[in-house]
Amino acid sequence: MVGEEKYTVMLELAEGDVARISPFIFRCALDKGDQLAKDIMKDTATYLAIGIVNMVNLFIPEIPFG
């Protein structure tokens, strides 16, 4: 994903300036079905889930996950 040039609604909404992409613009892009925004959301949810499972395993190791 990084380094690849793809069309994204986020850049259009930010008027071509990556620094202007905000959570609001990200959400608007998701609402419009932007594939890059969907991929970012999916990756973020995956990493958050892994982190939550790791924290549970750290504090309550007797709960099996898998």
N, C-alpha and C. Protein backbone atom coordinates (compact mmCIF):
# COMPACT_ATOMS: atom_id res chain seq x y z
N MET A 1 0.83 -1.19 0.00
CA MET A 1 0.00 0.00 0.00
C MET A 1 0.88 1.25 0.00
N VAL A 2 1.88 1.29 0.85
CA VAL A 2 2.74 2.46 0.91
C VAL A 2 3.57 2.53 -0.36
N GLY A 3 3.64 3.70 -0.94
CA GLY A 3 4.42 3.90 -2.15
C GLY A 3 3.64 3.68 -3.43
N GLU A 4 2.47 3.06 -3.32
CA GLU A 4 1.65 2.86 -4.50
C GLU A 4 0.79 4.10 -4.73
N GLU A 5 0.70 4.51 -5.98
CA GLU A 5 -0.17 5.64 -6.29
C GLU A 5 -1.52 5.10 -6.74
N LYS A 6 -2.54 5.41 -6.00
CA LYS A 6 -3.90 4.99 -6.31
C LYS A 6 -4.80 6.20 -6.22
N TYR A 7 -5.91 6.14 -6.94
CA TYR A 7 -6.92 7.18 -6.79
C TYR A 7 -7.59 6.97 -5.45
N THR A 8 -7.80 8.04 -4.72
CA THR A 8 -8.53 7.96 -3.47
C THR A 8 -9.38 9.22 -3.30
N VAL A 9 -10.57 9.01 -2.83
CA VAL A 9 -11.48 10.12 -2.57
C VAL A 9 -10.89 11.05 -1.50
N MET A 10 -10.09 10.48 -0.60
CA MET A 10 -9.51 11.29 0.48
C MET A 10 -8.67 12.43 -0.09
N LEU A 11 -7.86 12.15 -1.09
CA LEU A 11 -7.04 13.22 -1.70
C LEU A 11 -7.90 14.24 -2.40
N GLU A 12 -8.95 13.78 -3.04
CA GLU A 12 -9.86 14.71 -3.72
C GLU A 12 -10.51 15.65 -2.70
N LEU A 13 -10.98 15.09 -1.58
CA LEU A 13 -11.62 15.90 -0.54
C LEU A 13 -10.62 16.83 0.14
N ALA A 14 -9.35 16.42 0.19
CA ALA A 14 -8.31 17.24 0.82
C ALA A 14 -7.65 18.17 -0.20
N GLU A 15 -8.25 18.28 -1.37
CA GLU A 15 -7.76 19.15 -2.44
C GLU A 15 -6.31 18.85 -2.80
N GLY A 16 -5.96 17.55 -2.80
CA GLY A 16 -4.64 17.11 -3.23
C GLY A 16 -3.54 17.23 -2.20
N ASP A 17 -3.85 17.71 -1.01
CA ASP A 17 -2.85 17.91 0.04
C ASP A 17 -2.99 16.83 1.11
N VAL A 18 -2.04 15.90 1.13
CA VAL A 18 -2.09 14.78 2.08
C VAL A 18 -2.15 15.28 3.52
N ALA A 19 -1.49 16.37 3.81
CA ALA A 19 -1.46 16.92 5.18
C ALA A 19 -2.85 17.37 5.64
N ARG A 20 -3.76 17.58 4.72
CA ARG A 20 -5.11 18.05 5.09
C ARG A 20 -6.08 16.90 5.35
N ILE A 21 -5.63 15.66 5.17
CA ILE A 21 -6.53 14.53 5.41
C ILE A 21 -6.77 14.42 6.92
N SER A 22 -8.02 14.54 7.30
CA SER A 22 -8.42 14.54 8.71
C SER A 22 -9.35 13.34 8.96
N PRO A 23 -9.67 13.07 10.21
CA PRO A 23 -10.64 12.01 10.49
C PRO A 23 -11.98 12.25 9.78
N PHE A 24 -12.39 13.51 9.67
CA PHE A 24 -13.64 13.82 8.97
C PHE A 24 -13.54 13.43 7.49
N ILE A 25 -12.44 13.78 6.86
CA ILE A 25 -12.25 13.43 5.44
C ILE A 25 -12.18 11.92 5.28
N PHE A 26 -11.49 11.25 6.20
CA PHE A 26 -11.41 9.79 6.17
C PHE A 26 -12.80 9.19 6.24
N ARG A 27 -13.63 9.69 7.15
CA ARG A 27 -15.00 9.17 7.30
C ARG A 27 -15.84 9.43 6.05
N CYS A 28 -15.70 10.61 5.47
CA CYS A 28 -16.42 10.92 4.23
C CYS A 28 -16.01 9.97 3.12
N ALA A 29 -14.72 9.68 3.04
CA ALA A 29 -14.23 8.75 2.02
C ALA A 29 -14.81 7.35 2.25
N LEU A 30 -14.87 6.92 3.50
CA LEU A 30 -15.49 5.63 3.81
C LEU A 30 -16.95 5.61 3.37
N ASP A 31 -17.68 6.69 3.67
CA ASP A 31 -19.08 6.77 3.29
C ASP A 31 -19.28 6.72 1.78
N LYS A 32 -18.29 7.21 1.03
CA LYS A 32 -18.36 7.19 -0.43
C LYS A 32 -17.84 5.88 -1.02
N GLY A 33 -17.39 4.95 -0.15
CA GLY A 33 -16.94 3.65 -0.63
C GLY A 33 -15.51 3.62 -1.13
N ASP A 34 -14.69 4.56 -0.70
CA ASP A 34 -13.29 4.63 -1.13
C ASP A 34 -12.54 3.37 -0.70
N GLN A 35 -11.92 2.67 -1.66
CA GLN A 35 -11.26 1.41 -1.37
C GLN A 35 -10.06 1.57 -0.45
N LEU A 36 -9.27 2.62 -0.64
CA LEU A 36 -8.11 2.83 0.23
C LEU A 36 -8.56 3.08 1.67
N ALA A 37 -9.61 3.86 1.86
CA ALA A 37 -10.14 4.10 3.21
C ALA A 37 -10.63 2.79 3.83
N LYS A 38 -11.28 1.95 3.03
CA LYS A 38 -11.73 0.65 3.52
C LYS A 38 -10.55 -0.22 3.94
N ASP A 39 -9.50 -0.22 3.12
CA ASP A 39 -8.30 -1.01 3.44
C ASP A 39 -7.64 -0.52 4.72
N ILE A 40 -7.57 0.79 4.89
CA ILE A 40 -6.99 1.36 6.11
C ILE A 40 -7.82 0.96 7.32
N MET A 41 -9.14 1.03 7.21
CA MET A 41 -10.02 0.66 8.32
C MET A 41 -9.87 -0.82 8.66
N LYS A 42 -9.80 -1.66 7.63
CA LYS A 42 -9.65 -3.10 7.86
C LYS A 42 -8.33 -3.40 8.57
N ASP A 43 -7.24 -2.80 8.09
CA ASP A 43 -5.93 -3.01 8.71
C ASP A 43 -5.92 -2.52 10.15
N THR A 44 -6.51 -1.36 10.39
CA THR A 44 -6.56 -0.80 11.74
C THR A 44 -7.35 -1.71 12.67
N ALA A 45 -8.49 -2.21 12.22
CA ALA A 45 -9.30 -3.11 13.05
C ALA A 45 -8.54 -4.40 13.35
N THR A 46 -7.82 -4.92 12.37
CA THR A 46 -7.03 -6.14 12.57
C THR A 46 -5.97 -5.93 13.64
N TYR A 47 -5.21 -4.84 13.52
CA TYR A 47 -4.14 -4.58 14.49
C TYR A 47 -4.70 -4.28 15.89
N LEU A 48 -5.83 -3.59 15.96
CA LEU A 48 -6.45 -3.35 17.27
C LEU A 48 -6.92 -4.66 17.91
N ALA A 49 -7.50 -5.54 17.11
CA ALA A 49 -7.95 -6.83 17.63
C ALA A 49 -6.77 -7.65 18.15
N ILE A 50 -5.67 -7.66 17.41
CA ILE A 50 -4.47 -8.38 17.85
C ILE A 50 -3.97 -7.80 19.17
N GLY A 51 -3.96 -6.48 19.28
CA GLY A 51 -3.51 -5.83 20.51
C GLY A 51 -4.40 -6.16 21.69
N ILE A 52 -5.71 -6.18 21.47
CA ILE A 52 -6.65 -6.50 22.56
C ILE A 52 -6.45 -7.93 23.03
N VAL A 53 -6.31 -8.86 22.08
CA VAL A 53 -6.08 -10.26 22.45
C VAL A 53 -4.77 -10.40 23.21
N ASN A 54 -3.73 -9.70 22.79
CA ASN A 54 -2.45 -9.74 23.50
C ASN A 54 -2.59 -9.22 24.93
N MET A 55 -3.34 -8.14 25.11
CA MET A 55 -3.54 -7.59 26.46
C MET A 55 -4.31 -8.57 27.34
N VAL A 56 -5.35 -9.20 26.78
CA VAL A 56 -6.10 -10.19 27.55
C VAL A 56 -5.19 -11.35 27.93
N ASN A 57 -4.39 -11.83 26.98
CA ASN A 57 -3.46 -12.92 27.28
C ASN A 57 -2.43 -12.53 28.33
N LEU A 58 -2.04 -11.28 28.35
CA LEU A 58 -1.07 -10.80 29.33
C LEU A 58 -1.65 -10.79 30.74
N PHE A 59 -2.88 -10.30 30.87
CA PHE A 59 -3.48 -10.15 32.19
C PHE A 59 -4.33 -11.34 32.63
N ILE A 60 -4.87 -12.09 31.68
CA ILE A 60 -5.70 -13.26 32.02
C ILE A 60 -5.27 -14.42 31.11
N PRO A 61 -4.11 -15.01 31.37
CA PRO A 61 -3.57 -16.02 30.46
C PRO A 61 -4.37 -17.31 30.39
N GLU A 62 -5.24 -17.57 31.36
CA GLU A 62 -6.00 -18.82 31.34
C GLU A 62 -7.17 -18.81 30.36
N ILE A 63 -7.51 -17.66 29.77
CA ILE A 63 -8.57 -17.59 28.76
C ILE A 63 -7.97 -17.98 27.41
N PRO A 64 -8.46 -19.10 26.82
CA PRO A 64 -7.88 -19.53 25.54
C PRO A 64 -8.45 -18.72 24.36
N PHE A 65 -7.58 -18.30 23.47
CA PHE A 65 -7.97 -17.67 22.22
C PHE A 65 -7.34 -18.47 21.11
N GLY A 66 -8.04 -18.59 20.00
CA GLY A 66 -7.39 -19.27 18.90
C GLY A 66 -8.32 -19.98 18.09
